[in-house]
Amino acid sequence: MNVVIQVSREGLRFDVLVKPRASRTAVLGVEGDRLAVALAAAPVEGAANEALRRLLAEFFGVPRQNVSIVSGEKSRRKRVELRGIGEAELRARLPPAS
């Protein structure tokens, strides 16, 4: 499958599956209709959420302040929103579905 991208007034939204406490922080690929990421940070006091924002900003080439967690702040399944990137560019940067 491919990542489902929703166009909102502010930007582009999609779902992310987070694997915290990994050995390294990295984009793992696409699992089902979500982007899967590994985060070395523990899910304590927002550290994993901040690590996710930094990772996605770097991966998609947008400023960190253009990455928001819309829902799932305390869950491994999150919905994020990116601003400052077009849908075609976002799709081009996504890893291929496995």
Protein backbone atom coordinates (compact mmCIF):
# COMPACT_ATOMS: atom_id res chain seq x y z
CA MET A 1 0.00 0.00 0.00
CA ASN A 2 0.94 3.64 -0.10
CA VAL A 3 0.85 6.29 2.59
CA VAL A 4 -2.54 7.99 2.60
CA ILE A 5 -2.05 11.76 2.34
CA GLN A 6 -4.85 14.12 3.30
CA VAL A 7 -4.75 17.72 2.10
CA SER A 8 -5.82 20.17 4.82
CA ARG A 9 -6.06 23.96 4.87
CA GLU A 10 -2.68 24.17 6.60
CA GLY A 11 -0.70 21.46 4.82
CA LEU A 12 -0.49 17.72 4.22
CA ARG A 13 -1.46 15.12 6.81
CA PHE A 14 -0.50 11.47 7.02
CA ASP A 15 -0.16 8.71 9.60
CA VAL A 16 3.09 7.58 11.18
CA LEU A 17 3.88 4.41 13.13
CA VAL A 18 6.58 5.16 15.72
CA LYS A 19 8.92 2.54 17.17
CA PRO A 20 10.50 4.23 20.22
CA ARG A 21 13.69 3.20 22.05
CA ALA A 22 15.27 1.92 18.83
CA SER A 23 19.03 1.63 18.41
CA ARG A 24 18.96 4.51 15.92
CA THR A 25 16.59 7.18 14.63
CA ALA A 26 15.57 6.55 11.02
CA VAL A 27 12.73 6.34 8.54
CA LEU A 28 12.11 2.60 8.14
CA GLY A 29 9.70 2.58 5.20
CA VAL A 30 6.00 2.22 4.61
CA GLU A 31 3.92 -0.26 6.62
CA GLY A 32 0.41 -0.57 5.25
CA ASP A 33 -0.80 2.99 4.78
CA ARG A 34 1.60 4.58 7.31
CA LEU A 35 5.15 5.82 7.33
CA ALA A 36 7.16 3.75 9.84
CA VAL A 37 9.95 5.38 11.81
CA ALA A 38 12.35 4.26 14.52
CA LEU A 39 13.28 6.70 17.26
CA ALA A 40 16.18 6.29 19.66
CA ALA A 41 14.39 8.61 22.11
CA ALA A 42 12.20 7.19 24.84
CA PRO A 43 8.55 8.24 24.97
CA VAL A 44 9.15 10.32 28.11
CA GLU A 45 8.23 13.99 28.57
CA GLY A 46 7.73 14.54 24.84
CA ALA A 47 11.27 13.44 23.85
CA ALA A 48 10.05 10.96 21.23
CA ASN A 49 7.59 13.47 19.78
CA GLU A 50 10.35 16.08 19.44
CA ALA A 51 12.66 13.49 17.87
CA LEU A 52 9.89 12.62 15.40
CA ARG A 53 9.44 16.28 14.44
CA ARG A 54 13.21 16.68 13.89
CA LEU A 55 13.44 13.47 11.85
CA LEU A 56 10.50 14.31 9.58
CA ALA A 57 11.70 17.90 9.07
CA GLU A 58 15.12 16.67 7.97
CA PHE A 59 13.75 13.80 5.87
CA PHE A 60 11.25 15.98 3.97
CA GLY A 61 13.43 19.10 3.84
CA VAL A 62 11.16 21.47 5.76
CA PRO A 63 11.82 23.57 8.87
CA ARG A 64 11.07 21.79 12.16
CA GLN A 65 8.36 24.34 12.99
CA ASN A 66 6.52 23.15 9.83
CA VAL A 67 5.99 19.69 11.35
CA SER A 68 3.08 19.24 13.77
CA ILE A 69 1.68 16.22 15.54
CA VAL A 70 -2.07 16.56 14.98
CA SER A 71 -3.16 13.51 16.98
CA GLY A 72 -1.68 10.58 18.86
CA GLU A 73 0.79 12.52 21.03
CA LYS A 74 0.83 9.64 23.55
CA SER A 75 0.44 6.83 21.04
CA ARG A 76 2.75 4.94 18.68
CA ARG A 77 0.24 5.74 15.92
CA LYS A 78 0.33 9.43 15.16
CA ARG A 79 -1.10 11.77 12.56
CA VAL A 80 1.32 14.48 11.48
CA GLU A 81 0.97 17.58 9.37
CA LEU A 82 3.67 19.07 7.16
CA ARG A 83 3.55 22.61 5.84
CA GLY A 84 5.73 24.07 3.11
CA ILE A 85 5.85 21.01 0.87
CA GLY A 86 3.64 19.99 -2.05
CA GLU A 87 1.93 16.62 -2.33
CA ALA A 88 4.00 15.57 -5.36
CA GLU A 89 7.26 16.42 -3.60
CA LEU A 90 6.17 14.62 -0.43
CA ARG A 91 5.26 11.49 -2.41
CA ALA A 92 8.58 11.64 -4.27
CA ARG A 93 10.48 11.63 -0.96
CA LEU A 94 8.53 8.74 0.58
CA PRO A 95 10.30 5.38 0.57
CA PRO A 96 8.70 2.74 -1.65
CA ALA A 97 6.05 0.55 -0.07
CA SER A 98 7.26 -2.88 0.96
